[in-house]
């Protein structure tokens, strides 16, 4: 394993994180908050640590998928540890476990919080919480690939390890240009949302922080009631942009090239929008009697469906009080998630499409045993490797989910709380049901459960395998002996 390249990548990640703490310091100084100094000092220290790690460039810059997975997992863990320190040192979240949970929830765009009074935080800390969503939404390593020149031809492995979905491809021949295009689209959509929220009466700080939370499909709010206190206009703007950020970014690239046919013929996008429409229709009818008119019911329904399926986690009402049918649909949406290649979490619509097509193919083989048919997506045959990896992903997901659920059950919470706590963190949703519902938080969980759920958030965001690779004994054994031999 190319340890020197892993060290070099970690250095770049820390250097970028140190630089990204600078805007937080500026916000703190604008509001006259003493916490700004903590963010400034930590930002400088993180930057210096990163520069020290990347000072000596590796002689061998080529690495494979295993290095990509390890680099990605270690980057996110290290980034979360250092990102949690400002909360601890400012005293706003004195417990490191709580601060780490909050930061992991931010970077993984989960939005699950241990805070009972969000409004007690300083502006600089509120900005950092929301900013972690925006950083983690597209992926910090994608950002590094966009701005830092990394030599070598194997850096698609970094993108494969971090980007959500069953497969990752290049929009343009050069991977670095692909990363730049993704971030340009990401930034433009974020800026447009900020402008629209400003037109709706939000101040600049509110518009930026909520746009960060929407763009990264994270869901950290700056008010104790999340989005409930804002106007219907702002709620609809956030709803629409949650849906937009849950769409595969390849569709936006096709639109930029004026290839509208390719953009609107993507099966995953069509299925994603149909699932939203179906869920909205059923829940709307189910809760209409308890709302203040048709518009109120439609606003609440569309907002919560968009929030859950895109794994954003904002809320405008206590959906834990909704009828069982509506809550069941929301739980199912937690697992489905958004499109591959978006900032959303969950298992991804494309994976369910692939599994559905596989099942249909198997049924067809019973009727016509000698027929040979290939599974297709968007008119193109799906490679057997993608189908295999999708099946492996589902099996691994079920086993890891069951393990986390068992460990959380040791705390003694009721089944609904335990199940939805794991579902909400594993799928990077945010709120669950019961004691971790939209009007509650994860602060009541034990220290052990918070660490388990922190792992679940990281594993869910990185599509399981990068985190699991860290526990592979052969990987480290081979690395140790190869280093010793050298």
Protein backbone atom coordinates (compact mmCIF):
# COMPACT_ATOMS: atom_id res chain seq x y z
CA UNK A 1 0.00 0.00 0.00
CA UNK A 2 1.27 3.46 -0.93
CA UNK A 3 1.46 4.99 2.57
CA UNK A 4 3.37 8.06 1.41
CA UNK A 5 0.56 8.94 -0.99
CA UNK A 6 -2.03 8.48 1.77
CA UNK A 7 0.02 10.81 3.97
CA UNK A 8 0.20 13.35 1.14
CA UNK A 9 -3.57 13.25 0.56
CA UNK A 10 -4.28 13.66 4.29
CA UNK A 11 -1.98 16.69 4.28
CA UNK A 12 -3.95 18.26 1.44
CA UNK A 13 -7.24 17.59 3.20
CA UNK A 14 -6.06 19.18 6.47
CA UNK A 15 -4.63 22.18 4.63
CA UNK A 16 -7.95 22.71 2.88
CA UNK A 17 -9.88 22.33 6.15
CA UNK A 18 -7.62 24.90 7.80
CA UNK A 19 -8.30 27.37 5.00
CA UNK A 20 -12.05 26.71 5.19
CA UNK A 21 -12.07 27.77 8.85
CA UNK A 22 -11.09 31.29 7.75
CA UNK A 23 -14.66 32.34 6.72
CA UNK A 24 -15.86 31.29 10.17
CA UNK A 25 -13.35 33.65 11.80
CA UNK A 26 -14.54 36.48 9.59
CA UNK A 27 -18.17 35.83 10.62
CA UNK A 28 -17.13 35.85 14.28
CA UNK A 29 -15.28 39.14 13.96
CA UNK A 30 -18.22 40.73 12.11
CA UNK A 31 -20.49 39.83 15.03
CA UNK A 32 -17.86 40.80 17.61
CA UNK A 33 -17.65 37.28 19.10
CA UNK A 34 -14.57 36.14 21.02
CA UNK A 35 -14.99 32.61 19.65
CA UNK A 36 -13.60 33.89 16.34
CA UNK A 37 -10.07 33.77 17.78
CA UNK A 38 -10.42 30.05 18.54
CA UNK A 39 -11.46 29.32 14.95
CA UNK A 40 -8.62 31.47 13.60
CA UNK A 41 -5.93 29.80 15.74
CA UNK A 42 -7.26 26.29 15.03
CA UNK A 43 -7.50 27.10 11.34
CA UNK A 44 -3.85 28.17 11.26
CA UNK A 45 -2.74 25.10 13.25
CA UNK A 46 -4.71 22.76 10.99
CA UNK A 47 -3.25 24.44 7.91
CA UNK A 48 0.31 24.10 9.25
CA UNK A 49 -0.26 20.41 10.11
CA UNK A 50 -1.53 19.83 6.60
CA UNK A 51 1.42 21.60 5.01
CA UNK A 52 3.84 19.54 7.12
CA UNK A 53 2.21 16.29 5.98
CA UNK A 54 2.31 17.27 2.32
CA UNK A 55 5.75 18.90 2.43
CA UNK A 56 7.52 15.97 0.80
CA UNK A 57 5.85 14.77 -2.37
CA UNK A 58 5.70 10.99 -2.82
CA UNK A 59 8.00 9.51 -5.43
CA UNK A 60 5.27 7.07 -6.44
CA UNK A 61 1.98 8.94 -6.92
CA UNK A 62 -0.04 6.04 -8.35
CA UNK A 63 -2.42 4.27 -6.01
CA UNK A 64 -5.27 1.83 -6.27
CA UNK A 65 -8.79 1.52 -4.89
CA UNK A 66 -7.62 0.23 -1.50
CA UNK A 67 -5.47 3.36 -1.02
CA UNK A 68 -8.41 5.47 -2.18
CA UNK A 69 -10.71 3.87 0.40
CA UNK A 70 -8.21 4.19 3.25
CA UNK A 71 -7.35 7.80 2.32
CA UNK A 72 -11.02 8.70 2.17
CA UNK A 73 -11.95 7.07 5.50
CA UNK A 74 -8.96 8.52 7.36
CA UNK A 75 -9.57 11.96 5.81
CA UNK A 76 -13.14 12.09 7.04
CA UNK A 77 -12.24 10.84 10.52
CA UNK A 78 -9.33 13.26 10.92
CA UNK A 79 -11.37 16.10 9.47
CA UNK A 80 -14.17 15.42 11.97
CA UNK A 81 -11.78 15.27 14.94
CA UNK A 82 -10.20 18.62 14.11
CA UNK A 83 -13.56 20.10 13.14
CA UNK A 84 -14.93 19.21 16.58
CA UNK A 85 -12.18 21.02 18.50
CA UNK A 86 -13.65 24.54 18.05
CA UNK A 87 -16.87 23.46 19.79
CA UNK A 88 -14.88 22.00 22.69
CA UNK A 89 -12.38 24.86 23.08
CA UNK A 90 -15.07 27.56 22.94
CA UNK A 91 -17.00 25.66 25.62
CA UNK A 92 -20.18 25.65 23.54
CA UNK A 93 -20.13 21.83 23.37
CA UNK A 94 -17.75 20.90 26.22
CA UNK A 95 -17.98 17.11 25.74
CA UNK A 96 -15.66 15.85 22.98
CA UNK A 97 -18.02 12.94 22.28
CA UNK A 98 -20.91 15.35 21.70
CA UNK A 99 -18.73 17.71 19.66
CA UNK A 100 -17.44 14.82 17.52
CA UNK A 101 -20.99 13.53 16.98
CA UNK A 102 -22.16 17.00 15.96
CA UNK A 103 -19.23 17.50 13.59
CA UNK A 104 -19.53 14.06 12.00
CA UNK A 105 -23.24 14.78 11.57
CA UNK A 106 -22.27 18.02 9.85
CA UNK A 107 -19.64 16.69 7.45
CA UNK A 108 -21.68 13.59 6.57
CA UNK A 109 -24.69 15.90 5.95
CA UNK A 110 -26.79 13.94 8.44
CA UNK A 111 -28.14 16.80 10.52
CA UNK A 112 -28.65 14.72 13.69
CA UNK A 113 -27.90 16.97 16.66
CA UNK A 114 -27.22 16.58 20.36
CA UNK A 115 -28.14 20.23 21.03
CA UNK A 116 -31.39 21.07 22.79
CA UNK A 117 -30.91 24.85 22.36
CA UNK A 118 -29.32 25.60 18.99
CA UNK A 119 -29.93 29.33 19.35
CA UNK A 120 -27.56 29.45 22.34
CA UNK A 121 -24.58 28.95 20.01
CA UNK A 122 -22.56 31.88 18.73
CA UNK A 123 -22.93 33.00 15.11
CA UNK A 124 -19.47 31.67 14.29
CA UNK A 125 -20.33 28.18 15.57
CA UNK A 126 -23.71 28.20 13.83
CA UNK A 127 -21.93 29.16 10.61
CA UNK A 128 -19.35 26.36 11.05
CA UNK A 129 -22.09 23.77 11.69
CA UNK A 130 -23.89 24.71 8.47
CA UNK A 131 -20.65 25.14 6.53
CA UNK A 132 -19.64 21.56 7.35
CA UNK A 133 -22.78 20.48 5.47
CA UNK A 134 -21.73 22.41 2.39
CA UNK A 135 -18.16 21.06 2.58
CA UNK A 136 -19.26 17.47 3.03
CA UNK A 137 -22.15 17.61 0.56
CA UNK A 138 -20.11 17.32 -2.61
CA UNK A 139 -17.17 15.75 -0.79
CA UNK A 140 -13.97 17.27 0.54
CA UNK A 141 -11.80 15.02 -1.62
CA UNK A 142 -13.72 16.09 -4.71
CA UNK A 143 -12.90 19.66 -3.64
CA UNK A 144 -9.23 18.74 -3.20
CA UNK A 145 -9.20 17.20 -6.66
CA UNK A 146 -10.73 20.40 -8.04
CA UNK A 147 -8.21 22.85 -6.55
CA UNK A 148 -5.06 20.87 -5.75
CA UNK A 149 -2.94 19.41 -8.58
CA UNK A 150 -2.44 15.72 -7.73
CA UNK A 151 -0.22 13.88 -10.17
CA UNK A 152 -0.87 10.33 -11.29
CA UNK A 153 -3.54 8.57 -13.26
CA UNK A 154 -5.35 6.67 -10.53
CA UNK A 155 -7.19 9.48 -8.76
CA UNK A 156 -10.54 8.23 -9.99
CA UNK A 157 -10.16 5.86 -7.02
CA UNK A 158 -10.51 8.82 -4.63
CA UNK A 159 -13.71 9.87 -6.32
CA UNK A 160 -15.03 6.30 -6.37
CA UNK A 161 -14.39 5.98 -2.64
CA UNK A 162 -16.12 9.21 -1.70
CA UNK A 163 -18.85 9.82 -4.29
CA UNK A 164 -22.23 8.23 -3.59
CA UNK A 165 -23.71 5.73 -6.01
CA UNK A 166 -23.05 2.36 -7.62
CA UNK A 167 -20.62 3.78 -10.19
CA UNK A 168 -18.59 6.93 -10.77
CA UNK A 169 -17.55 8.24 -14.16
CA UNK A 170 -15.94 11.28 -15.68
CA UNK A 171 -18.00 14.06 -17.24
CA UNK A 172 -14.93 15.18 -19.18
CA UNK A 173 -11.68 13.34 -19.98
CA UNK A 174 -9.68 14.95 -17.15
CA UNK A 175 -10.86 14.04 -13.65
CA UNK A 176 -9.78 17.40 -12.22
CA UNK A 177 -11.99 19.19 -14.73
CA UNK A 178 -14.87 16.89 -13.76
CA UNK A 179 -14.45 17.91 -10.10
CA UNK A 180 -14.40 21.58 -11.09
CA UNK A 181 -17.57 21.27 -13.17
CA UNK A 182 -19.36 19.57 -10.25
CA UNK A 183 -18.35 22.33 -7.85
CA UNK A 184 -19.28 25.10 -10.26
CA UNK A 185 -22.79 23.63 -10.57
CA UNK A 186 -22.89 23.20 -6.78
CA UNK A 187 -21.85 26.81 -6.13
CA UNK A 188 -24.21 28.31 -8.69
CA UNK A 189 -27.24 26.47 -7.27
CA UNK A 190 -26.23 27.54 -3.75
CA UNK A 191 -25.90 31.21 -4.74
CA UNK A 192 -29.28 31.15 -6.52
CA UNK A 193 -30.93 29.76 -3.40
CA UNK A 194 -29.29 32.41 -1.20
CA UNK A 195 -30.70 35.16 -3.46
CA UNK A 196 -34.20 33.66 -3.46
CA UNK A 197 -34.20 33.33 0.35
CA UNK A 198 -33.08 36.94 0.67
CA UNK A 199 -36.08 37.92 -1.46
CA UNK A 200 -38.25 35.99 0.99
CA UNK A 201 -37.22 38.11 3.97
CA UNK A 202 -34.33 36.14 5.46
CA UNK A 203 -31.24 38.13 6.44
CA UNK A 204 -27.91 37.28 4.80
CA UNK A 205 -26.71 35.03 7.64
CA UNK A 206 -29.96 33.04 7.66
CA UNK A 207 -30.01 32.73 3.88
CA UNK A 208 -26.41 31.50 3.68
CA UNK A 209 -26.63 28.99 6.53
CA UNK A 210 -29.90 27.51 5.32
CA UNK A 211 -28.59 27.32 1.76
CA UNK A 212 -25.52 25.46 3.05
CA UNK A 213 -27.81 23.01 4.82
CA UNK A 214 -29.98 22.56 1.73
CA UNK A 215 -27.13 22.28 -0.79
CA UNK A 216 -25.37 19.64 1.26
CA UNK A 217 -28.75 18.03 2.06
CA UNK A 218 -27.71 18.27 5.69
CA UNK A 219 -30.45 19.96 7.68
CA UNK A 220 -28.70 21.80 10.52
CA UNK A 221 -30.97 24.72 11.36
CA UNK A 222 -30.09 27.87 13.27
CA UNK A 223 -33.45 28.01 15.05
CA UNK A 224 -34.82 25.60 17.63
CA UNK A 225 -37.93 25.04 15.49
CA UNK A 226 -35.86 24.34 12.35
CA UNK A 227 -37.75 25.92 9.40
CA UNK A 228 -41.19 26.16 11.04
CA UNK A 229 -40.95 29.86 11.88
CA UNK A 230 -40.21 31.00 8.33
CA UNK A 231 -42.74 32.02 5.70
CA UNK A 232 -44.42 29.61 3.31
CA UNK A 233 -42.40 31.23 0.49
CA UNK A 234 -39.08 30.34 2.17
CA UNK A 235 -40.32 26.83 2.91
CA UNK A 236 -41.22 26.29 -0.75
CA UNK A 237 -37.86 27.65 -1.92
CA UNK A 238 -36.05 25.26 0.41
CA UNK A 239 -38.33 22.40 -0.68
CA UNK A 240 -37.62 22.95 -4.38
CA UNK A 241 -33.88 23.20 -3.84
CA UNK A 242 -33.83 20.09 -1.66
CA UNK A 243 -35.34 18.23 -4.60
CA UNK A 244 -32.86 19.84 -7.03
CA UNK A 245 -29.82 18.91 -4.94
CA UNK A 246 -31.12 15.33 -4.75
CA UNK A 247 -30.90 14.96 -8.56
CA UNK A 248 -27.89 13.37 -10.23
CA UNK A 249 -25.55 16.25 -11.14
CA UNK A 250 -24.89 14.61 -14.52
CA UNK A 251 -28.37 15.84 -15.52
CA UNK A 252 -27.29 19.45 -14.90
CA UNK A 253 -24.14 18.91 -16.93
CA UNK A 254 -26.24 17.65 -19.86
CA UNK A 255 -28.49 20.72 -19.51
CA UNK A 256 -25.43 23.01 -19.62
CA UNK A 257 -24.40 21.32 -22.88
CA UNK A 258 -28.02 21.70 -24.12
CA UNK A 259 -28.34 17.92 -24.33
CA UNK A 260 -31.86 18.11 -22.97
CA UNK A 261 -32.88 14.69 -24.27
CA UNK A 262 -30.11 12.96 -22.28
CA UNK A 263 -30.90 15.02 -19.17
CA UNK A 264 -34.62 14.28 -19.08
CA UNK A 265 -34.35 10.67 -20.22
CA UNK A 266 -32.31 9.54 -17.20
CA UNK A 267 -34.29 6.68 -15.65
CA UNK A 268 -33.05 7.36 -12.15
CA UNK A 269 -34.15 11.00 -12.23
CA UNK A 270 -37.59 10.07 -13.57
CA UNK A 271 -38.01 7.37 -10.90
CA UNK A 272 -36.83 9.79 -8.19
CA UNK A 273 -39.42 12.40 -9.19
CA UNK A 274 -42.17 9.78 -9.49
CA UNK A 275 -41.41 8.45 -6.00
CA UNK A 276 -41.66 12.00 -4.62
CA UNK A 277 -44.95 12.61 -6.44
CA UNK A 278 -46.43 9.30 -5.22
CA UNK A 279 -45.34 9.85 -1.61
CA UNK A 280 -46.68 13.41 -1.60
CA UNK A 281 -50.05 12.26 -2.99
CA UNK A 282 -50.56 9.53 -0.39
CA UNK A 283 -49.39 11.55 2.63
CA UNK A 284 -51.37 14.62 1.47
CA UNK A 285 -54.61 12.64 1.52
CA UNK A 286 -53.63 10.97 4.80
CA UNK A 287 -53.02 14.21 6.76
CA UNK A 288 -55.41 16.63 5.01
CA UNK A 289 -58.01 16.39 7.78
CA UNK A 290 -55.50 17.50 10.43
CA UNK A 291 -54.15 20.53 8.53
CA UNK A 292 -55.41 24.07 8.07
CA UNK A 293 -56.57 23.75 4.49
CA UNK A 294 -55.25 22.26 1.25
CA UNK A 295 -52.29 24.64 0.87
CA UNK A 296 -51.07 24.00 4.41
CA UNK A 297 -51.31 20.22 3.92
CA UNK A 298 -49.52 20.37 0.56
CA UNK A 299 -46.77 22.62 1.95
CA UNK A 300 -46.08 20.36 4.93
CA UNK A 301 -46.31 17.16 2.88
CA UNK A 302 -44.08 18.27 0.01
CA UNK A 303 -41.52 19.76 2.41
CA UNK A 304 -41.21 16.65 4.59
CA UNK A 305 -41.15 14.22 1.67
CA UNK A 306 -38.41 16.27 -0.02
CA UNK A 307 -36.53 16.60 3.27
CA UNK A 308 -36.58 12.86 4.00
CA UNK A 309 -35.93 11.40 0.54
CA UNK A 310 -33.04 13.80 -0.07
CA UNK A 311 -31.85 13.05 3.48
CA UNK A 312 -31.77 16.76 4.34
CA UNK A 313 -33.61 16.52 7.64
CA UNK A 314 -35.20 19.96 7.93
CA UNK A 315 -38.68 19.96 9.44
CA UNK A 316 -41.68 22.29 9.47
CA UNK A 317 -43.87 20.16 11.72
CA UNK A 318 -43.77 17.22 14.11
CA UNK A 319 -44.33 14.41 11.60
CA UNK A 320 -44.04 11.94 14.50
CA UNK A 321 -47.69 12.88 15.17
CA UNK A 322 -48.80 11.93 11.66
CA UNK A 323 -50.84 8.76 10.99
CA UNK A 324 -48.98 5.44 10.81
CA UNK A 325 -49.29 5.25 7.01
CA UNK A 326 -47.55 8.60 6.56
CA UNK A 327 -44.79 7.74 9.02
CA UNK A 328 -44.23 4.39 7.31
CA UNK A 329 -43.80 6.10 3.94
CA UNK A 330 -41.27 8.52 5.42
CA UNK A 331 -39.30 5.61 6.93
CA UNK A 332 -39.26 3.86 3.53
CA UNK A 333 -38.04 7.08 1.92
CA UNK A 334 -35.18 7.16 4.44
CA UNK A 335 -33.83 3.96 2.93
CA UNK A 336 -34.46 4.84 -0.72
CA UNK A 337 -32.65 8.17 -0.58
CA UNK A 338 -31.81 10.47 -3.46
CA UNK A 339 -30.10 9.93 -6.82
CA UNK A 340 -26.56 8.67 -7.21
CA UNK A 341 -24.19 11.50 -8.04
CA UNK A 342 -26.18 13.97 -5.90
CA UNK A 343 -25.46 15.34 -2.45
CA UNK A 344 -28.23 13.18 -0.95
CA UNK A 345 -27.76 10.06 1.16
CA UNK A 346 -29.67 6.82 1.53
CA UNK A 347 -29.23 3.68 -0.54
CA UNK A 348 -29.87 5.59 -3.80
CA UNK A 349 -32.68 5.26 -6.31
CA UNK A 350 -30.35 3.77 -8.95
CA UNK A 351 -29.55 0.79 -6.74
CA UNK A 352 -33.24 0.01 -6.26
CA UNK A 353 -33.75 0.27 -10.01
CA UNK A 354 -30.89 -2.15 -10.65
CA UNK A 355 -32.24 -4.63 -8.09
CA UNK A 356 -35.74 -4.32 -9.54
CA UNK A 357 -34.46 -4.96 -13.05
CA UNK A 358 -32.43 -7.93 -11.78
CA UNK A 359 -35.49 -9.47 -10.16
CA UNK A 360 -37.52 -8.94 -13.34
CA UNK A 361 -34.76 -10.58 -15.37
CA UNK A 362 -34.76 -13.60 -13.05
CA UNK A 363 -38.54 -13.95 -13.38
CA UNK A 364 -38.14 -13.81 -17.16
CA UNK A 365 -35.54 -16.57 -17.07
CA UNK A 366 -38.11 -18.88 -15.41
CA UNK A 367 -40.53 -18.31 -18.27
CA UNK A 368 -37.88 -18.36 -21.03
CA UNK A 369 -34.91 -20.36 -19.65
CA UNK A 370 -32.88 -20.10 -22.86
CA UNK A 371 -33.29 -16.36 -23.30
CA UNK A 372 -30.27 -14.15 -22.73
CA UNK A 373 -31.11 -10.59 -21.72
CA UNK A 374 -28.93 -7.84 -20.33
CA UNK A 375 -30.11 -5.39 -17.72
CA UNK A 376 -30.20 -1.89 -19.14
CA UNK A 377 -30.27 1.60 -17.67
CA UNK A 378 -30.89 4.65 -19.88
CA UNK A 379 -30.76 2.39 -22.92
CA UNK A 380 -27.27 1.10 -22.12
CA UNK A 381 -26.40 -2.36 -20.76
CA UNK A 382 -25.33 -2.45 -17.13
CA UNK A 383 -22.03 -4.22 -16.61
CA UNK A 384 -22.11 -7.41 -14.56
CA UNK A 385 -19.61 -5.85 -12.13
CA UNK A 386 -22.07 -3.05 -11.30
CA UNK A 387 -24.89 -5.56 -10.68
CA UNK A 388 -22.60 -7.69 -8.51
CA UNK A 389 -21.36 -4.73 -6.48
CA UNK A 390 -24.96 -3.54 -5.99
CA UNK A 391 -25.99 -6.94 -4.61
CA UNK A 392 -22.93 -7.02 -2.33
CA UNK A 393 -23.72 -3.48 -1.15
CA UNK A 394 -27.28 -4.47 -0.16
CA UNK A 395 -26.10 -7.53 1.77
CA UNK A 396 -23.36 -5.56 3.55
CA UNK A 397 -25.83 -2.78 4.29
CA UNK A 398 -28.29 -5.17 5.93
CA UNK A 399 -25.63 -6.86 8.07
CA UNK A 400 -24.05 -3.58 9.20
CA UNK A 401 -27.45 -2.03 9.88
CA UNK A 402 -28.42 -5.05 12.00
CA UNK A 403 -25.15 -4.85 13.94
CA UNK A 404 -25.60 -1.13 14.70
CA UNK A 405 -29.23 -1.73 15.69
CA UNK A 406 -28.19 -4.51 18.07
CA UNK A 407 -25.56 -2.30 19.70
CA UNK A 408 -28.00 0.60 20.08
CA UNK A 409 -30.65 -1.74 21.54
CA UNK A 410 -28.31 -2.38 24.49
CA UNK A 411 -29.14 1.15 25.67
CA UNK A 412 -32.71 0.07 26.42
CA UNK A 413 -34.62 2.49 24.18
CA UNK A 414 -37.90 1.40 22.59
CA UNK A 415 -37.78 -0.32 19.19
CA UNK A 416 -39.08 2.65 17.18
CA UNK A 417 -36.48 4.99 18.69
CA UNK A 418 -33.63 2.51 18.23
CA UNK A 419 -34.60 1.50 14.68
CA UNK A 420 -35.15 5.03 13.37
CA UNK A 421 -32.05 6.34 15.19
CA UNK A 422 -29.92 3.89 13.21
CA UNK A 423 -31.92 4.48 10.01
CA UNK A 424 -31.62 8.26 10.38
CA UNK A 425 -27.86 8.20 10.95
CA UNK A 426 -26.94 5.31 8.65
CA UNK A 427 -28.85 6.97 5.79
CA UNK A 428 -27.67 10.48 6.79
CA UNK A 429 -31.22 11.74 7.38
CA UNK A 430 -31.10 13.53 10.74
CA UNK A 431 -34.34 13.16 12.71
CA UNK A 432 -36.00 9.83 13.32
CA UNK A 433 -39.11 8.96 15.32
CA UNK A 434 -39.83 8.57 19.01
CA UNK A 435 -37.14 9.96 21.32
CA UNK A 436 -35.08 11.09 18.29
CA UNK A 437 -38.01 12.65 16.44
CA UNK A 438 -38.12 16.09 14.78
CA UNK A 439 -38.84 17.90 18.07
CA UNK A 440 -36.19 15.93 20.01
CA UNK A 441 -32.47 15.29 19.60
CA UNK A 442 -29.76 12.68 20.15
CA UNK A 443 -28.43 14.31 23.32
CA UNK A 444 -30.15 11.72 25.52
CA UNK A 445 -28.21 8.83 23.96
CA UNK A 446 -25.37 7.25 25.94
CA UNK A 447 -21.73 7.91 25.07
CA UNK A 448 -21.44 4.40 23.63
CA UNK A 449 -24.49 4.89 21.39
CA UNK A 450 -23.18 8.24 20.13
CA UNK A 451 -19.92 6.60 19.01
CA UNK A 452 -21.83 3.78 17.32
CA UNK A 453 -24.07 6.27 15.53
CA UNK A 454 -21.04 8.39 14.57
CA UNK A 455 -19.58 5.32 12.89
CA UNK A 456 -22.96 4.70 11.21
CA UNK A 457 -22.98 8.25 9.81
CA UNK A 458 -19.47 7.92 8.40
CA UNK A 459 -20.14 4.46 6.99
CA UNK A 460 -23.39 5.58 5.40
CA UNK A 461 -21.87 8.69 3.82
CA UNK A 462 -18.87 6.81 2.42
CA UNK A 463 -20.97 3.92 1.09
CA UNK A 464 -19.79 1.41 3.73
CA UNK A 465 -16.62 -0.06 2.22
CA UNK A 466 -14.07 2.75 2.84
CA UNK A 467 -14.85 2.59 6.56
CA UNK A 468 -14.88 -1.21 6.63
CA UNK A 469 -11.50 -1.29 4.90
CA UNK A 470 -9.96 0.21 8.04
CA UNK A 471 -10.86 -2.98 9.90
CA UNK A 472 -9.34 -5.31 7.31
CA UNK A 473 -6.35 -6.94 9.09
CA UNK A 474 -4.63 -8.14 5.91
CA UNK A 475 -4.45 -4.60 4.57
CA UNK A 476 -2.45 -3.29 7.52
CA UNK A 477 -0.43 -6.49 7.88
CA UNK A 478 0.73 -6.25 4.26
CA UNK A 479 1.48 -2.55 4.68
CA UNK A 480 3.55 -3.17 7.81
CA UNK A 481 5.63 -5.98 6.30
CA UNK A 482 6.17 -4.20 2.99
CA UNK A 483 7.35 -1.11 4.84
CA UNK A 484 9.62 -3.20 7.07
CA UNK A 485 11.11 -4.96 4.05
CA UNK A 486 11.84 -1.62 2.38
